[in-house]
C-alpha cells in the first residue's frame, strides 16, 4: 500500500508541475522548483528565475464573489535571481554562485529564527 501512496503523491506533484510550468532543481540536497519569467523593456528584455520551495494550489471562486470553485497556484516563493537558469552563456560555477548566495541568506534567516545571532 505504501508504494501506491507514494506513486499517487508523485503523480499529484507531476500534475502540479505541469500546471505551473515548473521545473525541479536539486541544489545541495534541497529540492527547488523554478520558473523562468521574461521581462520586457523598451529596447530589449531579460529573464529572471523564480524559485519556490513548495507547490500548492488553493480553491477560489472563478469570478471573485460568485461562480464555480477553481484551483489556482499558491506556491511558496523563496527567492529570485536576475539570470536565466537555461542560459548557455552562464557557466555552472557562475550560476551556482548566484543561487548559493540566496541559499546562504535563507540559512541565515533560519539561524536567526533559532536564536543563533552570532
Protein backbone atom coordinates (compact mmCIF):
# COMPACT_ATOMS: atom_id res chain seq x y z
CA UNK A 1 0.00 0.00 0.00
CA UNK A 2 2.82 2.36 0.74
CA UNK A 3 4.03 2.13 -2.84
CA UNK A 4 0.60 3.13 -4.13
CA UNK A 5 0.50 6.10 -1.76
CA UNK A 6 3.95 7.27 -2.83
CA UNK A 7 3.09 6.91 -6.51
CA UNK A 8 -0.10 8.94 -6.02
CA UNK A 9 1.88 11.70 -4.31
CA UNK A 10 4.37 11.72 -7.18
CA UNK A 11 1.56 11.82 -9.74
CA UNK A 12 0.00 14.78 -7.89
CA UNK A 13 3.38 16.55 -7.88
CA UNK A 14 3.76 15.81 -11.59
CA UNK A 15 0.38 17.37 -12.39
CA UNK A 16 1.22 20.44 -10.28
CA UNK A 17 4.49 20.86 -12.15
CA UNK A 18 2.73 20.65 -15.49
CA UNK A 19 0.01 23.10 -14.44
CA UNK A 20 2.51 25.69 -13.23
CA UNK A 21 5.13 25.17 -15.95
CA UNK A 22 7.63 24.46 -13.19
CA UNK A 23 10.85 22.50 -13.32
CA UNK A 24 12.83 20.98 -10.47
CA UNK A 25 16.40 21.58 -9.40
CA UNK A 26 18.20 19.75 -6.60
CA UNK A 27 20.76 22.10 -5.05
CA UNK A 28 22.88 20.82 -2.14
CA UNK A 29 20.19 18.39 -1.03
CA UNK A 30 17.34 20.92 -1.32
CA UNK A 31 14.66 20.38 -3.91
CA UNK A 32 13.76 23.68 -5.51
CA UNK A 33 11.08 24.37 -8.07
CA UNK A 34 11.72 27.15 -10.55
CA UNK A 35 10.12 29.03 -13.39
CA UNK A 36 11.66 31.44 -15.83
CA UNK A 37 10.00 34.79 -16.33
CA UNK A 38 10.51 37.18 -19.24
CA UNK A 39 10.56 40.93 -18.55
CA UNK A 40 10.05 43.32 -21.46
CA UNK A 41 11.95 46.56 -21.68
CA UNK A 42 11.67 49.39 -24.13
CA UNK A 43 14.51 48.16 -26.33
CA UNK A 44 15.15 44.65 -25.08
CA UNK A 45 14.19 42.22 -22.35
CA UNK A 46 15.69 39.84 -19.87
CA UNK A 47 14.89 36.65 -17.98
CA UNK A 48 14.69 36.16 -14.25
CA UNK A 49 14.30 32.86 -12.47
CA UNK A 50 11.91 32.50 -9.54
CA UNK A 51 12.46 29.69 -7.06
CA UNK A 52 9.82 28.04 -4.92
CA UNK A 53 10.17 25.62 -2.01
CA UNK A 54 6.72 24.08 -2.26
CA UNK A 55 3.99 23.79 -4.87
CA UNK A 56 0.44 24.23 -3.64
CA UNK A 57 -2.95 25.10 -5.02
CA UNK A 58 -5.93 26.77 -3.45
CA UNK A 59 -9.58 26.92 -4.41
CA UNK A 60 -11.15 30.29 -5.16
CA UNK A 61 -14.32 31.49 -6.81
CA UNK A 62 -13.87 31.97 -10.53
CA UNK A 63 -15.49 35.42 -10.63
CA UNK A 64 -14.28 36.72 -7.23
CA UNK A 65 -17.62 36.56 -5.37
CA UNK A 66 -19.54 34.00 -7.43
CA UNK A 67 -19.07 31.20 -9.91
CA UNK A 68 -17.62 27.75 -9.58
CA UNK A 69 -14.61 26.96 -7.42
CA UNK A 70 -11.39 26.70 -9.44
CA UNK A 71 -7.90 25.72 -8.37
CA UNK A 72 -5.18 28.34 -8.75
CA UNK A 73 -1.47 28.03 -7.94
CA UNK A 74 -0.43 29.19 -4.46
CA UNK A 75 3.27 28.34 -4.46
CA UNK A 76 5.71 29.17 -1.65
CA UNK A 77 8.13 31.73 -3.14
CA UNK A 78 11.61 31.82 -1.58
CA UNK A 79 13.89 33.87 -3.84
CA UNK A 80 14.56 35.22 -7.33
CA UNK A 81 17.78 35.62 -9.29
CA UNK A 82 18.34 38.01 -12.16
CA UNK A 83 19.58 35.36 -14.53
CA UNK A 84 18.19 32.65 -16.75
CA UNK A 85 18.98 29.16 -15.47
CA UNK A 86 18.88 27.83 -19.03
CA UNK A 87 21.21 30.48 -20.47
CA UNK A 88 24.08 28.77 -22.28
CA UNK A 89 26.33 31.78 -21.71
CA UNK A 90 26.34 31.27 -17.94
CA UNK A 91 28.69 28.60 -16.63
CA UNK A 92 27.66 26.20 -13.91
CA UNK A 93 30.00 27.86 -11.41
CA UNK A 94 28.55 31.31 -12.06
CA UNK A 95 25.02 30.01 -11.66
CA UNK A 96 25.96 28.10 -8.51
CA UNK A 97 27.39 31.31 -7.01
CA UNK A 98 24.17 33.20 -7.68
CA UNK A 99 21.98 30.50 -6.16
CA UNK A 100 24.36 29.83 -3.25
CA UNK A 101 24.26 33.50 -2.21
CA UNK A 102 20.48 33.33 -1.90
CA UNK A 103 20.58 29.97 -0.09
CA UNK A 104 23.08 31.43 2.40
CA UNK A 105 20.63 34.23 3.18
CA UNK A 106 17.86 31.68 3.73
CA UNK A 107 20.12 29.69 6.07
CA UNK A 108 20.97 32.86 7.99
CA UNK A 109 17.27 33.66 8.38
CA UNK A 110 16.74 30.16 9.81
CA UNK A 111 19.62 30.71 12.25
CA UNK A 112 18.08 33.97 13.46
CA UNK A 113 14.72 32.24 13.98
CA UNK A 114 16.52 29.64 16.12
CA UNK A 115 18.19 32.36 18.23
CA UNK A 116 21.71 31.98 16.80
CA UNK A 117 22.65 35.63 16.36
CA UNK A 118 26.43 35.36 16.36
